[in-house]
């Protein structure tokens, strides 16, 4: 799943009750200061980290994607213990949903052109 870099993706650091439907997940987004109507993707993992739900608002309605891993667990990226969410990019989301351990992924430094003053 490759998304434009402009799409913001937030992973909730606390486990979610997978019985929550769209409204319950939207309520959680509001509790940690997000806006579930802003077009961002909000990712929630179950306590066992074998299930994931992604909440988004698109053109007049909520969408929820659901994934269950049969033999593995989702591996969390490094998390600051005081944060309620972690920002991800689309590549990190794709790796997370494939069960790849984001803490072990080594990314090359991003090249930036020199700015002309």
C-alpha atoms as a PDB file:
ATOM      1  CA  UNK A   1       0.000   0.000   0.000  1.00  0.00           C
ATOM      2  CA  UNK A   2       1.790   3.133  -1.188  1.00  0.00           C
ATOM      3  CA  UNK A   3       0.151   6.412  -0.290  1.00  0.00           C
ATOM      4  CA  UNK A   4       1.138   9.977  -1.138  1.00  0.00           C
ATOM      5  CA  UNK A   5       3.592  11.556   1.297  1.00  0.00           C
ATOM      6  CA  UNK A   6       0.953  14.171   2.092  1.00  0.00           C
ATOM      7  CA  UNK A   7      -1.236  11.567   3.849  1.00  0.00           C
ATOM      8  CA  UNK A   8      -0.627  11.686   7.593  1.00  0.00           C
ATOM      9  CA  UNK A   9      -0.599   8.338   9.389  1.00  0.00           C
ATOM     10  CA  UNK A  10      -0.827   7.971  13.158  1.00  0.00           C
ATOM     11  CA  UNK A  11      -0.323   4.729  15.082  1.00  0.00           C
ATOM     12  CA  UNK A  12      -2.001   4.635  18.506  1.00  0.00           C
ATOM     13  CA  UNK A  13       0.516   3.470  21.116  1.00  0.00           C
ATOM     14  CA  UNK A  14      -2.086   1.914  23.424  1.00  0.00           C
ATOM     15  CA  UNK A  15      -3.926  -1.274  22.378  1.00  0.00           C
ATOM     16  CA  UNK A  16      -7.460  -0.918  21.053  1.00  0.00           C
ATOM     17  CA  UNK A  17     -10.477  -3.069  21.678  1.00  0.00           C
ATOM     18  CA  UNK A  18     -11.064  -4.640  18.267  1.00  0.00           C
ATOM     19  CA  UNK A  19     -14.794  -4.727  18.990  1.00  0.00           C
ATOM     20  CA  UNK A  20     -14.771  -0.956  18.460  1.00  0.00           C
ATOM     21  CA  UNK A  21     -16.389   0.046  15.198  1.00  0.00           C
ATOM     22  CA  UNK A  22     -16.024   3.360  13.380  1.00  0.00           C
ATOM     23  CA  UNK A  23     -17.576   5.566  16.059  1.00  0.00           C
ATOM     24  CA  UNK A  24     -15.605   3.970  18.883  1.00  0.00           C
ATOM     25  CA  UNK A  25     -12.332   4.401  16.994  1.00  0.00           C
ATOM     26  CA  UNK A  26     -13.232   8.011  16.104  1.00  0.00           C
ATOM     27  CA  UNK A  27     -13.866   8.656  19.798  1.00  0.00           C
ATOM     28  CA  UNK A  28     -10.392   7.331  20.637  1.00  0.00           C
ATOM     29  CA  UNK A  29      -8.872   9.618  18.007  1.00  0.00           C
ATOM     30  CA  UNK A  30     -10.574  12.622  19.622  1.00  0.00           C
ATOM     31  CA  UNK A  31      -9.361  11.566  23.100  1.00  0.00           C
ATOM     32  CA  UNK A  32      -5.729  11.749  22.025  1.00  0.00           C
ATOM     33  CA  UNK A  33      -6.270  15.123  20.325  1.00  0.00           C
ATOM     34  CA  UNK A  34      -6.700  14.032  16.715  1.00  0.00           C
ATOM     35  CA  UNK A  35      -9.441  14.926  14.288  1.00  0.00           C
ATOM     36  CA  UNK A  36     -10.958  11.794  12.728  1.00  0.00           C
ATOM     37  CA  UNK A  37     -12.426  13.936   9.910  1.00  0.00           C
ATOM     38  CA  UNK A  38      -9.088  15.406   8.737  1.00  0.00           C
ATOM     39  CA  UNK A  39      -8.270  12.735   6.124  1.00  0.00           C
ATOM     40  CA  UNK A  40      -5.446  11.174   8.140  1.00  0.00           C
ATOM     41  CA  UNK A  41      -5.154   7.434   8.687  1.00  0.00           C
ATOM     42  CA  UNK A  42      -5.410   6.302  12.303  1.00  0.00           C
ATOM     43  CA  UNK A  43      -3.953   2.847  12.993  1.00  0.00           C
ATOM     44  CA  UNK A  44      -4.976   0.775  16.017  1.00  0.00           C
ATOM     45  CA  UNK A  45      -3.517  -2.560  17.124  1.00  0.00           C
ATOM     46  CA  UNK A  46      -5.064  -5.175  19.379  1.00  0.00           C
ATOM     47  CA  UNK A  47      -3.570  -6.093  22.753  1.00  0.00           C
ATOM     48  CA  UNK A  48      -1.996  -9.247  21.262  1.00  0.00           C
ATOM     49  CA  UNK A  49      -0.855  -7.185  18.247  1.00  0.00           C
ATOM     50  CA  UNK A  50      -2.199  -9.759  15.800  1.00  0.00           C
ATOM     51  CA  UNK A  51      -5.023  -7.503  14.552  1.00  0.00           C
ATOM     52  CA  UNK A  52      -5.045  -3.999  13.139  1.00  0.00           C
ATOM     53  CA  UNK A  53      -7.743  -1.518  12.224  1.00  0.00           C
ATOM     54  CA  UNK A  54      -7.186   1.646  10.214  1.00  0.00           C
ATOM     55  CA  UNK A  55      -9.748   4.443  10.405  1.00  0.00           C
ATOM     56  CA  UNK A  56     -10.072   7.172   7.769  1.00  0.00           C
ATOM     57  CA  UNK A  57     -12.655   9.715   6.655  1.00  0.00           C
ATOM     58  CA  UNK A  58     -13.255   9.842   2.906  1.00  0.00           C
ATOM     59  CA  UNK A  59     -15.848  11.843   0.971  1.00  0.00           C
ATOM     60  CA  UNK A  60     -18.680  11.865   3.456  1.00  0.00           C
ATOM     61  CA  UNK A  61     -18.079   8.683   5.428  1.00  0.00           C
ATOM     62  CA  UNK A  62     -15.734   6.636   7.561  1.00  0.00           C
ATOM     63  CA  UNK A  63     -13.750   3.715   6.167  1.00  0.00           C
ATOM     64  CA  UNK A  64     -12.226   0.982   8.335  1.00  0.00           C
ATOM     65  CA  UNK A  65      -9.629  -1.463   7.055  1.00  0.00           C
ATOM     66  CA  UNK A  66      -8.997  -4.575   9.140  1.00  0.00           C
ATOM     67  CA  UNK A  67      -6.096  -7.014   9.040  1.00  0.00           C
ATOM     68  CA  UNK A  68      -5.417 -10.132  11.093  1.00  0.00           C
ATOM     69  CA  UNK A  69      -2.036 -11.856  11.064  1.00  0.00           C
ATOM     70  CA  UNK A  70      -2.387 -15.616  11.313  1.00  0.00           C
ATOM     71  CA  UNK A  71       1.086 -16.586  12.547  1.00  0.00           C
ATOM     72  CA  UNK A  72       2.871 -13.449  13.585  1.00  0.00           C
ATOM     73  CA  UNK A  73       2.493 -10.194  15.489  1.00  0.00           C
ATOM     74  CA  UNK A  74       2.725  -6.591  14.383  1.00  0.00           C
ATOM     75  CA  UNK A  75       6.064  -5.163  15.503  1.00  0.00           C
ATOM     76  CA  UNK A  76       5.867  -1.687  16.968  1.00  0.00           C
ATOM     77  CA  UNK A  77       8.348   1.016  15.976  1.00  0.00           C
ATOM     78  CA  UNK A  78      10.379   2.708  18.717  1.00  0.00           C
ATOM     79  CA  UNK A  79       7.885   4.571  20.917  1.00  0.00           C
ATOM     80  CA  UNK A  80       8.328   7.399  23.396  1.00  0.00           C
ATOM     81  CA  UNK A  81       6.500   6.212  26.531  1.00  0.00           C
ATOM     82  CA  UNK A  82       4.768   9.584  26.951  1.00  0.00           C
ATOM     83  CA  UNK A  83       3.322   9.669  23.410  1.00  0.00           C
ATOM     84  CA  UNK A  84      -0.205   8.548  22.604  1.00  0.00           C
ATOM     85  CA  UNK A  85       0.581   8.240  18.894  1.00  0.00           C
ATOM     86  CA  UNK A  86       3.532   7.693  16.585  1.00  0.00           C
ATOM     87  CA  UNK A  87       3.683   9.226  13.109  1.00  0.00           C
ATOM     88  CA  UNK A  88       4.380   6.812  10.273  1.00  0.00           C
ATOM     89  CA  UNK A  89       4.938   7.257   6.567  1.00  0.00           C
ATOM     90  CA  UNK A  90       3.359   5.027   3.938  1.00  0.00           C
ATOM     91  CA  UNK A  91       6.414   2.743   3.666  1.00  0.00           C
ATOM     92  CA  UNK A  92       6.447   2.206   7.438  1.00  0.00           C
ATOM     93  CA  UNK A  93       2.716   1.426   7.409  1.00  0.00           C
ATOM     94  CA  UNK A  94       3.215  -1.125   4.634  1.00  0.00           C
ATOM     95  CA  UNK A  95       6.053  -2.785   6.569  1.00  0.00           C
ATOM     96  CA  UNK A  96       4.040  -2.749   9.804  1.00  0.00           C
ATOM     97  CA  UNK A  97       1.084  -4.434   8.087  1.00  0.00           C
ATOM     98  CA  UNK A  98       3.452  -7.073   6.650  1.00  0.00           C
ATOM     99  CA  UNK A  99       4.753  -7.866  10.144  1.00  0.00           C
ATOM    100  CA  UNK A 100       8.211  -6.353   9.574  1.00  0.00           C
ATOM    101  CA  UNK A 101      10.012  -5.121  12.701  1.00  0.00           C
ATOM    102  CA  UNK A 102      10.362  -1.370  12.120  1.00  0.00           C
ATOM    103  CA  UNK A 103      12.922  -1.107  14.914  1.00  0.00           C
ATOM    104  CA  UNK A 104      15.361  -3.210  12.866  1.00  0.00           C
ATOM    105  CA  UNK A 105      14.904  -1.404   9.553  1.00  0.00           C
ATOM    106  CA  UNK A 106      17.862   0.782   8.553  1.00  0.00           C
ATOM    107  CA  UNK A 107      16.933   3.595   6.221  1.00  0.00           C
ATOM    108  CA  UNK A 108      19.518   5.532   4.247  1.00  0.00           C
ATOM    109  CA  UNK A 109      19.931   9.225   4.964  1.00  0.00           C
ATOM    110  CA  UNK A 110      17.598  11.347   2.880  1.00  0.00           C
ATOM    111  CA  UNK A 111      19.406  13.505   0.328  1.00  0.00           C
ATOM    112  CA  UNK A 112      18.474  17.168   0.355  1.00  0.00           C
ATOM    113  CA  UNK A 113      19.692  19.665  -2.262  1.00  0.00           C
ATOM    114  CA  UNK A 114      21.663  22.653  -1.015  1.00  0.00           C
ATOM    115  CA  UNK A 115      19.517  25.736  -0.570  1.00  0.00           C
ATOM    116  CA  UNK A 116      20.553  28.881  -2.336  1.00  0.00           C
ATOM    117  CA  UNK A 117      20.424  31.876  -0.017  1.00  0.00           C
END
